[in-house]
Amino acid sequence: MTLPKQVRLVEVGPRDGLQNEPGNIIPTDIKIDLINALSDSGLRHIEAASFVSPKWIPQMADGSAVMSGIKRHPDAIYAALTPNLKGLEKALESQCDEVAVFTAASEAFTQKNINCSIAESLERFTPLIEKAKANNIPVRGYVSTVLGCPYAGEINPSQVTSLCREMIEMGCYEISLGDTIGVGTPLKAKQLLEAVTKEVPIQQLAAHFHDTYGQALANIYAVLEEGISVIDTSIAGLGGCPYAQGASGNVATEDVLYMLNGLGIDTGVQLDELIKVSHWISQQLQRSNGSKVALALTPKSSI
């Protein structure tokens, strides 16, 4: 078992993180400043928006404004979550570089999350993926609850394996394996990968861990040993899951980066700058939720 020399960090804070922030709607300018600061730190894969119904996810209602307002780094990918064709249309209009579709390995969770069965969710993906490919837009897939479900308990790795294989066959270039409620342990994470990689090359898999029980970094190290080289992270550990009560946020980007730096693994991201961004967005969210006032991003030297 050898560790990868390079890891691609997929920053999901502006979408997966902010969409679950309670209270006041976060101003669009704050989201734009956050994404710009993240790309300035060296992050080159940022999930910037979600084109879902504002009725269900009001924090993401300004996706088009966010995408039109950001300063795009020429080497960066700015992605958006798109649950259906309508969402894809908005993503195309907003010139997203990539879109993502999502389902779960648990029938119960899929019903709670997107009001359909796993099979029905895959049926919805087909026209979306076809249209994205016709427009030369890569599609990334998310599979939630791969190590446990708040409703169904433990998940059989075979369920995850067949779902990942089907999504790859449909046209997803990569599948992010999500431990939505953070119940995974290093051994279970390794066992899951052992099963999934019998059907899907590890080069097409990414890891997405929540830190509910403080296992995220240990799990990431475990999957790095197995050959994973793409990790989803969220600045300041923002985000949780509205359909998984008690699930804490995603693993913090700065914590993962600190570990990767210590392991001699290259990411191209500047830790000092990222820590400044983490402190800044935490302050903005506190101000926004406390007084309905959020400050604009200050110059990078004083974030």
Protein backbone atom coordinates (compact mmCIF):
# COMPACT_ATOMS: atom_id res chain seq x y z
CA MET A 1 0.00 0.00 0.00
CA THR A 2 1.47 3.32 -1.10
CA LEU A 3 0.09 6.82 -0.73
CA PRO A 4 -0.61 8.93 -3.84
CA LYS A 5 1.87 11.65 -4.73
CA GLN A 6 -0.91 14.07 -5.61
CA VAL A 7 -4.49 14.54 -4.42
CA ARG A 8 -7.27 16.58 -6.00
CA LEU A 9 -9.38 18.34 -3.39
CA VAL A 10 -12.98 18.96 -4.44
CA GLU A 11 -14.18 21.92 -2.39
CA VAL A 12 -17.89 21.56 -1.64
CA GLY A 13 -18.28 24.28 1.00
CA PRO A 14 -20.01 26.90 -1.20
CA ARG A 15 -22.71 24.35 -2.07
CA ASP A 16 -22.88 21.37 0.28
CA GLY A 17 -21.70 23.52 3.17
CA LEU A 18 -23.73 26.70 2.80
CA GLN A 19 -26.96 25.02 1.68
CA ASN A 20 -27.47 23.66 5.19
CA GLU A 21 -26.80 26.90 7.03
CA PRO A 22 -29.84 27.69 9.20
CA GLY A 23 -31.39 31.09 9.72
CA ASN A 24 -30.92 34.04 7.41
CA ILE A 25 -30.24 33.69 3.70
CA ILE A 26 -26.53 34.22 3.09
CA PRO A 27 -25.96 37.24 0.82
CA THR A 28 -24.88 36.49 -2.73
CA ASP A 29 -21.83 38.74 -2.39
CA ILE A 30 -20.56 36.62 0.49
CA LYS A 31 -20.85 33.45 -1.61
CA ILE A 32 -19.03 35.08 -4.51
CA ASP A 33 -16.24 36.36 -2.28
CA LEU A 34 -15.92 32.92 -0.69
CA ILE A 35 -15.53 31.15 -4.03
CA ASN A 36 -13.01 33.74 -5.23
CA ALA A 37 -10.97 33.39 -2.06
CA LEU A 38 -11.01 29.60 -2.32
CA SER A 39 -9.70 29.69 -5.87
CA ASP A 40 -7.07 32.24 -4.83
CA SER A 41 -5.82 29.73 -2.24
CA GLY A 42 -5.06 27.25 -5.01
CA LEU A 43 -8.21 25.11 -5.02
CA ARG A 44 -9.00 24.13 -8.60
CA HIS A 45 -12.23 22.15 -8.24
CA ILE A 46 -15.02 24.04 -6.51
CA GLU A 47 -18.69 23.10 -6.26
CA ALA A 48 -20.06 26.61 -6.50
CA ALA A 49 -23.84 26.33 -6.84
CA SER A 50 -26.89 24.11 -6.79
CA PHE A 51 -29.73 24.46 -9.25
CA VAL A 52 -32.49 22.89 -7.19
CA SER A 53 -35.92 24.22 -6.35
CA PRO A 54 -35.61 27.22 -3.99
CA LYS A 55 -38.67 25.80 -2.22
CA TRP A 56 -36.50 22.92 -0.95
CA ILE A 57 -33.10 24.61 -0.66
CA PRO A 58 -33.66 28.37 -0.26
CA GLN A 59 -29.98 29.05 0.49
CA MET A 60 -29.14 28.05 -3.08
CA ALA A 61 -31.77 30.16 -4.87
CA ASP A 62 -29.15 32.61 -6.20
CA GLY A 63 -27.06 30.06 -8.11
CA SER A 64 -27.19 31.95 -11.40
CA ALA A 65 -26.14 35.21 -9.77
CA VAL A 66 -23.29 33.48 -7.98
CA MET A 67 -21.98 31.87 -11.16
CA SER A 68 -22.15 35.13 -13.09
CA GLY A 69 -20.42 37.08 -10.31
CA ILE A 70 -17.37 34.93 -9.57
CA LYS A 71 -13.89 35.64 -10.88
CA ARG A 72 -13.04 32.51 -12.82
CA HIS A 73 -9.53 31.14 -12.57
CA PRO A 74 -8.54 29.75 -15.99
CA ASP A 75 -7.42 26.41 -14.53
CA ALA A 76 -10.35 25.92 -12.14
CA ILE A 77 -13.51 23.85 -12.49
CA TYR A 78 -16.67 25.50 -11.18
CA ALA A 79 -19.34 22.85 -10.73
CA ALA A 80 -23.03 22.81 -9.86
CA LEU A 81 -25.46 20.25 -8.50
CA THR A 82 -28.29 19.57 -10.96
CA PRO A 83 -31.10 17.20 -9.91
CA ASN A 84 -33.04 17.37 -13.17
CA LEU A 85 -33.14 18.78 -16.70
CA LYS A 86 -34.42 22.14 -15.51
CA GLY A 87 -31.44 22.42 -13.20
CA LEU A 88 -29.10 21.42 -16.02
CA GLU A 89 -30.55 24.14 -18.27
CA LYS A 90 -29.76 26.76 -15.62
CA ALA A 91 -26.26 25.33 -15.17
CA LEU A 92 -25.64 25.53 -18.91
CA GLU A 93 -26.92 29.11 -19.01
CA SER A 94 -24.59 29.93 -16.12
CA GLN A 95 -21.60 28.42 -17.94
CA CYS A 96 -20.81 25.80 -15.32
CA ASP A 97 -17.76 23.69 -16.14
CA GLU A 98 -19.25 20.54 -14.65
CA VAL A 99 -22.52 19.27 -13.19
CA ALA A 100 -23.28 16.65 -10.57
CA VAL A 101 -26.16 14.23 -10.03
CA PHE A 102 -26.95 12.51 -6.76
CA THR A 103 -28.64 9.46 -5.35
CA ALA A 104 -28.15 7.15 -2.36
CA ALA A 105 -27.37 3.51 -1.67
CA SER A 106 -30.38 3.38 0.68
CA GLU A 107 -33.95 3.22 -0.64
CA ALA A 108 -35.29 4.85 2.52
CA PHE A 109 -32.84 7.74 2.31
CA THR A 110 -33.51 8.29 -1.38
CA GLN A 111 -37.24 8.55 -0.70
CA LYS A 112 -36.66 11.07 2.09
CA ASN A 113 -34.07 13.08 0.15
CA ILE A 114 -35.41 13.24 -3.42
CA ASN A 115 -38.87 11.65 -3.12
CA CYS A 116 -38.25 8.68 -5.40
CA SER A 117 -36.73 5.23 -5.49
CA ILE A 118 -33.09 4.56 -6.43
CA ALA A 119 -34.24 3.16 -9.79
CA GLU A 120 -36.37 6.24 -10.45
CA SER A 121 -33.44 8.53 -9.59
CA LEU A 122 -31.30 6.75 -12.17
CA GLU A 123 -34.05 7.11 -14.77
CA ARG A 124 -34.02 10.86 -14.17
CA PHE A 125 -30.27 10.96 -14.79
CA THR A 126 -30.42 9.47 -18.29
CA PRO A 127 -31.71 12.49 -20.27
CA LEU A 128 -29.69 14.86 -18.08
CA ILE A 129 -26.41 13.03 -18.70
CA GLU A 130 -27.15 12.74 -22.41
CA LYS A 131 -27.77 16.47 -22.72
CA ALA A 132 -24.72 17.35 -20.61
CA LYS A 133 -22.52 15.15 -22.80
CA ALA A 134 -24.02 16.74 -25.92
CA ASN A 135 -22.86 20.08 -24.52
CA ASN A 136 -19.41 18.71 -23.57
CA ILE A 137 -20.12 19.10 -19.86
CA PRO A 138 -18.66 16.38 -17.59
CA VAL A 139 -21.04 14.76 -15.10
CA ARG A 140 -19.95 13.74 -11.62
CA GLY A 141 -22.04 11.35 -9.54
CA TYR A 142 -22.70 11.36 -5.81
CA VAL A 143 -23.77 8.26 -3.92
CA SER A 144 -24.87 9.00 -0.34
CA THR A 145 -25.14 6.72 2.70
CA VAL A 146 -22.46 4.32 1.45
CA LEU A 147 -21.45 3.27 4.98
CA GLY A 148 -24.73 3.69 6.82
CA CYS A 149 -28.21 5.17 6.66
CA PRO A 150 -30.16 6.96 9.43
CA TYR A 151 -33.26 4.97 8.46
CA ALA A 152 -31.98 1.61 7.19
CA GLY A 153 -28.83 1.16 9.28
CA GLU A 154 -25.84 -0.58 7.72
CA ILE A 155 -25.53 -0.70 3.95
CA ASN A 156 -24.33 -3.78 2.11
CA PRO A 157 -21.26 -2.90 -0.02
CA SER A 158 -22.83 -4.81 -2.91
CA GLN A 159 -25.60 -2.18 -3.07
CA VAL A 160 -23.00 0.55 -3.43
CA THR A 161 -21.01 -1.42 -5.98
CA SER A 162 -23.90 -2.04 -8.36
CA LEU A 163 -25.06 1.56 -8.11
CA CYS A 164 -21.60 2.96 -8.84
CA ARG A 165 -21.17 0.64 -11.80
CA GLU A 166 -24.50 1.68 -13.25
CA MET A 167 -23.74 5.39 -12.87
CA ILE A 168 -20.38 4.99 -14.58
CA GLU A 169 -22.05 3.08 -17.42
CA MET A 170 -24.59 5.91 -17.73
CA GLY A 171 -21.80 8.42 -18.31
CA CYS A 172 -20.58 9.78 -14.96
CA TYR A 173 -16.82 10.22 -15.16
CA GLU A 174 -16.37 9.95 -11.38
CA ILE A 175 -18.37 8.76 -8.37
CA SER A 176 -18.05 10.40 -4.96
CA LEU A 177 -18.72 7.90 -2.17
CA GLY A 178 -20.48 9.73 0.66
CA ASP A 179 -20.50 8.66 4.31
CA THR A 180 -23.48 10.93 4.90
CA ILE A 181 -23.94 10.32 8.62
CA GLY A 182 -20.28 9.80 9.45
CA VAL A 183 -20.58 6.28 10.87
CA GLY A 184 -17.72 4.83 8.85
CA THR A 185 -14.48 3.56 10.30
CA PRO A 186 -11.16 2.91 8.51
CA LEU A 187 -11.77 -0.82 8.24
CA LYS A 188 -15.30 -0.38 6.86
CA ALA A 189 -14.03 2.22 4.39
CA LYS A 190 -11.36 -0.18 3.14
CA GLN A 191 -13.87 -3.01 2.86
CA LEU A 192 -16.22 -0.81 0.87
CA LEU A 193 -13.46 0.12 -1.58
CA GLU A 194 -12.45 -3.51 -1.92
CA ALA A 195 -15.99 -4.30 -3.07
CA VAL A 196 -16.55 -1.28 -5.32
CA THR A 197 -13.19 -1.49 -7.10
CA LYS A 198 -14.08 -4.94 -8.38
CA GLU A 199 -16.51 -3.14 -10.70
CA VAL A 200 -15.26 0.46 -10.91
CA PRO A 201 -11.60 1.55 -11.30
CA ILE A 202 -10.34 3.40 -8.25
CA GLN A 203 -9.27 6.24 -10.55
CA GLN A 204 -12.99 6.98 -11.02
CA LEU A 205 -13.80 7.12 -7.30
CA ALA A 206 -13.67 9.94 -4.76
CA ALA A 207 -14.21 9.97 -0.99
CA HIS A 208 -16.69 12.22 0.84
CA PHE A 209 -16.58 11.81 4.64
CA HIS A 210 -18.52 13.52 7.39
CA ASP A 211 -16.96 13.88 10.81
CA THR A 212 -19.87 12.98 13.08
CA TYR A 213 -17.79 10.61 15.22
CA GLY A 214 -14.39 12.16 14.55
CA GLN A 215 -13.46 9.46 12.05
CA ALA A 216 -13.14 11.48 8.86
CA LEU A 217 -9.36 12.01 8.81
CA ALA A 218 -8.71 8.40 9.80
CA ASN A 219 -11.04 7.23 7.06
CA ILE A 220 -9.36 9.47 4.51
CA TYR A 221 -5.95 8.11 5.42
CA ALA A 222 -7.32 4.58 5.08
CA VAL A 223 -8.68 5.17 1.58
CA LEU A 224 -5.53 7.02 0.52
CA GLU A 225 -3.67 3.80 1.33
CA GLU A 226 -6.03 1.97 -1.03
CA GLY A 227 -5.36 4.36 -3.91
CA ILE A 228 -8.02 7.06 -3.62
CA SER A 229 -6.62 10.38 -4.87
CA VAL A 230 -9.74 12.59 -4.93
CA ILE A 231 -11.18 13.89 -1.65
CA ASP A 232 -14.28 16.05 -1.12
CA THR A 233 -13.81 18.65 1.61
CA SER A 234 -15.61 21.71 2.92
CA ILE A 235 -13.98 24.91 4.15
CA ALA A 236 -14.34 25.29 7.94
CA GLY A 237 -16.17 21.93 8.02
CA LEU A 238 -19.39 23.58 6.82
CA GLY A 239 -22.38 21.46 6.00
CA GLY A 240 -24.37 18.55 7.26
CA CYS A 241 -27.44 16.82 5.93
CA PRO A 242 -31.02 18.01 6.50
CA TYR A 243 -32.27 14.42 6.09
CA ALA A 244 -29.78 12.87 8.52
CA GLN A 245 -30.48 14.19 12.01
CA GLY A 246 -27.36 14.54 14.13
CA ALA A 247 -24.91 14.29 11.23
CA SER A 248 -22.25 16.93 11.67
CA GLY A 249 -20.49 18.79 8.91
CA ASN A 250 -18.16 17.65 6.20
CA VAL A 251 -14.51 17.20 7.02
CA ALA A 252 -12.76 20.59 7.03
CA THR A 253 -10.63 21.36 3.98
CA GLU A 254 -7.91 22.93 6.11
CA ASP A 255 -7.69 19.84 8.35
CA VAL A 256 -7.35 17.52 5.36
CA LEU A 257 -4.78 19.79 3.77
CA TYR A 258 -2.73 19.89 6.97
CA MET A 259 -2.66 16.08 7.02
CA LEU A 260 -1.80 15.81 3.33
CA ASN A 261 1.02 18.33 3.72
CA GLY A 262 2.37 16.26 6.59
CA LEU A 263 2.31 13.18 4.39
CA GLY A 264 4.20 14.95 1.62
CA ILE A 265 1.23 14.77 -0.76
CA ASP A 266 0.90 17.63 -3.24
CA THR A 267 -2.42 19.46 -3.68
CA GLY A 268 -1.36 22.84 -5.04
CA VAL A 269 -3.30 24.57 -2.22
CA GLN A 270 -1.77 27.09 0.20
CA LEU A 271 -2.63 26.16 3.78
CA ASP A 272 -2.00 29.63 5.26
CA GLU A 273 -4.36 31.26 2.77
CA LEU A 274 -6.98 28.58 3.28
CA ILE A 275 -6.95 29.08 7.05
CA LYS A 276 -7.59 32.79 6.52
CA VAL A 277 -10.58 31.95 4.34
CA SER A 278 -11.88 29.54 6.98
CA HIS A 279 -11.73 32.18 9.69
CA TRP A 280 -13.32 34.77 7.44
CA ILE A 281 -16.33 32.71 6.35
CA SER A 282 -16.93 31.60 9.94
CA GLN A 283 -17.08 35.25 10.98
CA GLN A 284 -19.42 36.15 8.14
CA LEU A 285 -21.84 33.37 9.02
CA GLN A 286 -21.85 34.37 12.68
CA ARG A 287 -22.62 37.97 11.74
CA SER A 288 -25.25 36.99 9.20
CA ASN A 289 -27.10 34.70 11.57
CA GLY A 290 -26.72 37.05 14.49
CA SER A 291 -27.68 40.40 13.03
CA LYS A 292 -28.73 39.89 9.38
CA VAL A 293 -25.58 41.80 8.40
CA ALA A 294 -22.62 40.23 6.62
CA LEU A 295 -19.47 42.10 5.70
CA ALA A 296 -17.82 42.04 2.29
CA LEU A 297 -14.60 40.10 1.92
CA THR A 298 -11.65 42.18 3.01
CA PRO A 299 -8.34 42.14 1.11
CA LYS A 300 -6.60 38.79 1.26
CA SER A 301 -3.87 40.12 3.55
CA SER A 302 -6.40 40.88 6.26
CA ILE A 303 -8.98 38.13 5.95
